[in-house]
N, C-alpha and C. Protein backbone atom coordinates (compact mmCIF):
# COMPACT_ATOMS: atom_id res chain seq x y z
N MET A 1 -9.34 4.23 -4.81
CA MET A 1 -9.01 3.12 -3.92
C MET A 1 -8.45 1.97 -4.75
N LEU A 2 -7.32 1.49 -4.34
CA LEU A 2 -6.72 0.31 -4.95
C LEU A 2 -7.29 -0.91 -4.24
N VAL A 3 -7.75 -1.90 -5.00
CA VAL A 3 -8.28 -3.13 -4.41
C VAL A 3 -7.43 -4.29 -4.88
N ILE A 4 -6.88 -5.04 -3.92
CA ILE A 4 -6.10 -6.23 -4.25
C ILE A 4 -6.66 -7.42 -3.47
N THR A 5 -6.38 -8.59 -3.97
CA THR A 5 -6.80 -9.82 -3.30
C THR A 5 -5.57 -10.47 -2.70
N ARG A 6 -5.66 -10.85 -1.46
CA ARG A 6 -4.56 -11.51 -0.76
C ARG A 6 -5.07 -12.79 -0.13
N ARG A 7 -4.20 -13.78 -0.14
CA ARG A 7 -4.48 -15.06 0.53
C ARG A 7 -3.76 -15.06 1.88
N ALA A 8 -4.12 -15.99 2.71
CA ALA A 8 -3.45 -16.12 4.00
C ALA A 8 -1.95 -16.26 3.78
N GLY A 9 -1.16 -15.46 4.47
CA GLY A 9 0.30 -15.51 4.35
C GLY A 9 0.87 -14.59 3.30
N GLU A 10 0.04 -14.04 2.40
CA GLU A 10 0.53 -13.10 1.39
C GLU A 10 0.55 -11.69 1.98
N ALA A 11 1.34 -10.81 1.37
CA ALA A 11 1.50 -9.47 1.92
C ALA A 11 1.56 -8.44 0.80
N PHE A 12 1.59 -7.18 1.20
CA PHE A 12 1.85 -6.09 0.27
C PHE A 12 2.69 -5.07 1.01
N TYR A 13 3.39 -4.23 0.24
CA TYR A 13 4.28 -3.22 0.79
C TYR A 13 3.72 -1.83 0.50
N ILE A 14 3.90 -0.92 1.44
CA ILE A 14 3.51 0.47 1.29
C ILE A 14 4.75 1.31 1.58
N TYR A 15 5.18 2.12 0.60
CA TYR A 15 6.39 2.92 0.78
C TYR A 15 6.33 4.14 -0.14
N PRO A 16 7.16 5.17 0.12
CA PRO A 16 7.16 6.37 -0.72
C PRO A 16 7.61 6.06 -2.14
N THR A 17 7.08 6.79 -3.11
CA THR A 17 7.51 6.63 -4.49
C THR A 17 8.97 7.06 -4.62
N GLN A 18 9.62 6.61 -5.68
CA GLN A 18 11.04 6.93 -5.87
C GLN A 18 11.25 8.40 -6.19
N ASP A 19 10.26 9.04 -6.81
CA ASP A 19 10.43 10.43 -7.20
C ASP A 19 9.86 11.42 -6.17
N ILE A 20 9.65 10.96 -4.95
CA ILE A 20 9.10 11.84 -3.91
C ILE A 20 10.11 12.94 -3.57
N ASN A 21 9.61 14.11 -3.31
CA ASN A 21 10.45 15.24 -2.93
C ASN A 21 11.07 14.92 -1.57
N PRO A 22 12.40 14.85 -1.47
CA PRO A 22 13.03 14.47 -0.20
C PRO A 22 12.82 15.48 0.92
N SER A 23 12.42 16.70 0.57
CA SER A 23 12.17 17.70 1.62
C SER A 23 10.72 17.66 2.12
N LEU A 24 9.89 16.79 1.55
CA LEU A 24 8.50 16.65 1.97
C LEU A 24 8.45 16.09 3.39
N THR A 25 7.74 16.77 4.26
CA THR A 25 7.63 16.30 5.63
C THR A 25 6.50 15.27 5.75
N VAL A 26 6.51 14.52 6.81
CA VAL A 26 5.45 13.55 7.07
C VAL A 26 4.11 14.27 7.17
N ALA A 27 4.11 15.43 7.82
CA ALA A 27 2.88 16.21 7.95
C ALA A 27 2.35 16.62 6.58
N GLU A 28 3.23 17.01 5.67
CA GLU A 28 2.81 17.38 4.32
C GLU A 28 2.31 16.17 3.55
N LEU A 29 2.98 15.04 3.70
CA LEU A 29 2.59 13.81 3.00
C LEU A 29 1.18 13.39 3.40
N PHE A 30 0.86 13.53 4.67
CA PHE A 30 -0.44 13.09 5.16
C PHE A 30 -1.39 14.26 5.44
N ALA A 31 -1.19 15.38 4.75
CA ALA A 31 -2.02 16.57 4.96
C ALA A 31 -3.50 16.29 4.66
N ASN A 32 -3.79 15.41 3.72
CA ASN A 32 -5.18 15.10 3.36
C ASN A 32 -5.73 13.91 4.13
N GLY A 33 -4.97 13.41 5.09
CA GLY A 33 -5.45 12.30 5.90
C GLY A 33 -4.51 11.11 5.86
N PRO A 34 -4.80 10.11 6.67
CA PRO A 34 -3.95 8.93 6.77
C PRO A 34 -4.21 7.94 5.63
N ILE A 35 -3.37 6.93 5.56
CA ILE A 35 -3.60 5.81 4.66
C ILE A 35 -4.75 5.00 5.25
N LYS A 36 -5.70 4.62 4.41
CA LYS A 36 -6.84 3.82 4.87
C LYS A 36 -6.73 2.43 4.26
N ILE A 37 -6.78 1.42 5.12
CA ILE A 37 -6.76 0.03 4.67
C ILE A 37 -8.04 -0.62 5.16
N ALA A 38 -8.82 -1.19 4.24
CA ALA A 38 -10.10 -1.79 4.60
C ALA A 38 -10.18 -3.21 4.06
N LEU A 39 -10.61 -4.13 4.90
CA LEU A 39 -10.90 -5.48 4.43
C LEU A 39 -12.31 -5.43 3.84
N LEU A 40 -12.40 -5.59 2.54
CA LEU A 40 -13.65 -5.36 1.84
C LEU A 40 -14.55 -6.58 1.77
N GLU A 41 -13.95 -7.74 1.54
CA GLU A 41 -14.78 -8.90 1.28
C GLU A 41 -13.95 -10.17 1.45
N SER A 42 -14.55 -11.16 2.04
CA SER A 42 -13.93 -12.48 2.11
C SER A 42 -14.47 -13.26 0.92
N ILE A 43 -13.57 -13.62 0.00
CA ILE A 43 -13.99 -14.27 -1.24
C ILE A 43 -14.14 -15.79 -1.03
N LYS A 44 -13.10 -16.37 -0.48
CA LYS A 44 -13.08 -17.79 -0.18
C LYS A 44 -12.54 -17.95 1.22
N ARG A 45 -12.38 -19.17 1.65
CA ARG A 45 -11.88 -19.39 3.02
C ARG A 45 -10.56 -18.70 3.29
N ASN A 46 -9.69 -18.67 2.29
CA ASN A 46 -8.36 -18.10 2.54
C ASN A 46 -8.04 -16.90 1.65
N GLN A 47 -9.05 -16.24 1.07
CA GLN A 47 -8.82 -15.06 0.24
C GLN A 47 -9.67 -13.90 0.72
N THR A 48 -9.06 -12.72 0.75
CA THR A 48 -9.76 -11.51 1.15
C THR A 48 -9.41 -10.39 0.19
N ARG A 49 -10.39 -9.53 -0.09
CA ARG A 49 -10.14 -8.33 -0.88
C ARG A 49 -9.81 -7.20 0.08
N VAL A 50 -8.72 -6.52 -0.23
CA VAL A 50 -8.24 -5.42 0.61
C VAL A 50 -8.30 -4.15 -0.22
N GLY A 51 -8.88 -3.10 0.34
CA GLY A 51 -8.93 -1.80 -0.31
C GLY A 51 -7.97 -0.85 0.39
N ILE A 52 -7.21 -0.07 -0.39
CA ILE A 52 -6.21 0.83 0.18
C ILE A 52 -6.36 2.20 -0.46
N GLU A 53 -6.50 3.23 0.39
CA GLU A 53 -6.51 4.61 -0.06
C GLU A 53 -5.27 5.29 0.52
N ALA A 54 -4.47 5.88 -0.36
CA ALA A 54 -3.23 6.52 0.08
C ALA A 54 -2.91 7.69 -0.83
N PRO A 55 -2.07 8.63 -0.37
CA PRO A 55 -1.66 9.74 -1.23
C PRO A 55 -0.92 9.23 -2.47
N ASP A 56 -0.90 10.04 -3.52
CA ASP A 56 -0.23 9.66 -4.76
C ASP A 56 1.26 9.42 -4.57
N GLU A 57 1.84 10.00 -3.54
CA GLU A 57 3.28 9.85 -3.29
C GLU A 57 3.62 8.53 -2.62
N ILE A 58 2.63 7.68 -2.42
CA ILE A 58 2.82 6.38 -1.78
C ILE A 58 2.65 5.27 -2.82
N THR A 59 3.57 4.33 -2.83
CA THR A 59 3.49 3.17 -3.70
C THR A 59 2.96 1.98 -2.90
N ILE A 60 2.06 1.23 -3.51
CA ILE A 60 1.52 0.02 -2.89
C ILE A 60 1.81 -1.11 -3.87
N LEU A 61 2.50 -2.12 -3.40
CA LEU A 61 2.96 -3.18 -4.29
C LEU A 61 2.77 -4.54 -3.66
N ARG A 62 2.23 -5.47 -4.44
CA ARG A 62 2.10 -6.84 -3.95
C ARG A 62 3.48 -7.41 -3.64
N GLU A 63 3.56 -8.23 -2.63
CA GLU A 63 4.84 -8.78 -2.18
C GLU A 63 5.61 -9.47 -3.31
N GLU A 64 4.91 -10.19 -4.17
CA GLU A 64 5.60 -10.94 -5.22
C GLU A 64 6.21 -10.03 -6.29
N LEU A 65 5.84 -8.75 -6.33
CA LEU A 65 6.40 -7.81 -7.28
C LEU A 65 7.48 -6.91 -6.68
N TYR A 66 7.62 -6.95 -5.38
CA TYR A 66 8.57 -6.09 -4.67
C TYR A 66 9.99 -6.60 -4.85
N GLU A 67 10.88 -5.70 -5.25
CA GLU A 67 12.30 -6.02 -5.38
C GLU A 67 13.09 -5.05 -4.52
N PRO A 68 13.57 -5.51 -3.37
CA PRO A 68 14.31 -4.58 -2.49
C PRO A 68 15.60 -4.12 -3.15
N LYS A 69 15.96 -2.87 -2.83
CA LYS A 69 17.23 -2.32 -3.35
C LYS A 69 18.37 -2.93 -2.56
N LEU A 70 19.43 -3.28 -3.26
CA LEU A 70 20.62 -3.80 -2.60
C LEU A 70 21.54 -2.63 -2.30
N ALA A 71 22.04 -2.55 -1.09
CA ALA A 71 22.90 -1.41 -0.68
C ALA A 71 24.28 -1.56 -1.26
């Protein structure tokens, strides 16, 4: 489980890894179950710890580290 801390208004992204097999179906990707997101703990008034369980083929990245690809 990945645990990150987020403040009010902050976000994170969940998307397939870059090296994912393009022929992998959604059913195959989630064969072991869905992505689980749990609010674990409220640290301060505006901070919460979030736990995320996802398949290895899924990338989870804090918003401030995400760099969208330009087409």
